[in-house]
Amino acid sequence: MEINEKVLKLKVRAEEIKEQLAYWEEYPPVNNMGKWARQTKLDKLQKELSKIQRDIDFHDNLYLSNEIYKQWKKDAL
């Protein structure tokens, strides 16, 4: 099974974001401004992670549908 380089890069980025999320979830805020900054960072990272996950799913489904089509084409001939 061929792994698309773009999907591989997206998976690496997703792992980096998961590490950052773990760090920021454990990060203790100092005051209200710190709480706000921490929550803003968490929201941004979660949004970016969900976008990357959506892109990975899209590329995986696209690759799978291409493989199914190639198999169908080979069987039809």
Protein backbone atom coordinates (compact mmCIF):
# COMPACT_ATOMS: atom_id res chain seq x y z
CA MET A 1 0.00 0.00 0.00
CA GLU A 2 1.47 3.29 -1.12
CA ILE A 3 1.53 6.07 1.45
CA ASN A 4 0.98 9.52 0.07
CA GLU A 5 3.67 11.98 1.20
CA LYS A 6 1.07 14.64 1.92
CA VAL A 7 -0.82 12.30 4.24
CA LEU A 8 2.42 11.37 5.96
CA LYS A 9 3.24 15.06 6.55
CA LEU A 10 -0.27 15.64 7.86
CA LYS A 11 0.06 12.72 10.28
CA VAL A 12 3.39 14.06 11.55
CA ARG A 13 1.84 17.50 12.05
CA ALA A 14 -1.12 15.92 13.86
CA GLU A 15 1.26 14.21 16.29
CA GLU A 16 3.06 17.50 16.92
CA ILE A 17 -0.23 19.22 17.66
CA LYS A 18 -1.26 16.42 20.03
CA GLU A 19 2.00 16.94 21.95
CA GLN A 20 1.35 20.69 22.11
CA LEU A 21 -2.21 20.04 23.30
CA ALA A 22 -0.93 17.81 26.08
CA TYR A 23 1.53 20.53 27.13
CA TRP A 24 -1.04 23.33 27.13
CA GLU A 25 -3.62 21.22 29.00
CA GLU A 26 -1.10 20.75 31.82
CA TYR A 27 0.13 24.36 31.68
CA PRO A 28 -0.93 26.22 34.86
CA PRO A 29 -2.39 29.68 34.19
CA VAL A 30 -1.14 32.46 36.46
CA ASN A 31 -4.11 34.82 36.37
CA ASN A 32 -7.23 35.55 34.33
CA MET A 33 -5.20 36.73 31.35
CA GLY A 34 -3.23 33.49 31.54
CA LYS A 35 -6.45 31.48 31.64
CA TRP A 36 -7.71 33.33 28.58
CA ALA A 37 -4.44 32.87 26.66
CA ARG A 38 -4.29 29.17 27.56
CA GLN A 39 -7.88 28.59 26.46
CA THR A 40 -7.31 30.52 23.22
CA LYS A 41 -4.26 28.39 22.45
CA LEU A 42 -6.15 25.18 23.22
CA ASP A 43 -9.06 26.22 20.99
CA LYS A 44 -6.68 27.08 18.14
CA LEU A 45 -4.81 23.78 18.42
CA GLN A 46 -8.02 21.75 18.59
CA LYS A 47 -9.40 23.52 15.53
CA GLU A 48 -6.16 22.92 13.62
CA LEU A 49 -6.11 19.26 14.68
CA SER A 50 -9.69 18.71 13.53
CA LYS A 51 -8.89 20.30 10.16
CA ILE A 52 -5.83 18.08 9.74
CA GLN A 53 -7.85 14.99 10.72
CA ARG A 54 -10.49 15.94 8.14
CA ASP A 55 -7.77 16.30 5.47
CA ILE A 56 -6.24 12.94 6.40
CA ASP A 57 -9.64 11.24 6.21
CA PHE A 58 -10.32 12.88 2.84
CA HIS A 59 -7.01 11.72 1.36
CA ASP A 60 -7.40 8.23 2.82
CA ASN A 61 -10.91 7.93 1.35
CA LEU A 62 -9.74 9.29 -1.99
CA TYR A 63 -6.86 6.82 -2.09
CA LEU A 64 -9.16 3.96 -1.11
CA SER A 65 -11.72 4.86 -3.76
CA ASN A 66 -8.95 5.01 -6.39
CA GLU A 67 -7.74 1.57 -5.33
CA ILE A 68 -11.27 0.15 -5.48
CA TYR A 69 -11.73 1.66 -8.95
CA LYS A 70 -8.42 0.20 -10.15
CA GLN A 71 -9.43 -3.23 -8.83
CA TRP A 72 -12.87 -2.98 -10.44
CA LYS A 73 -11.33 -1.90 -13.75
CA LYS A 74 -8.88 -4.82 -13.64
CA ASP A 75 -11.67 -7.31 -12.82
CA ALA A 76 -13.97 -5.90 -15.52
CA LEU A 77 -11.39 -6.46 -18.23
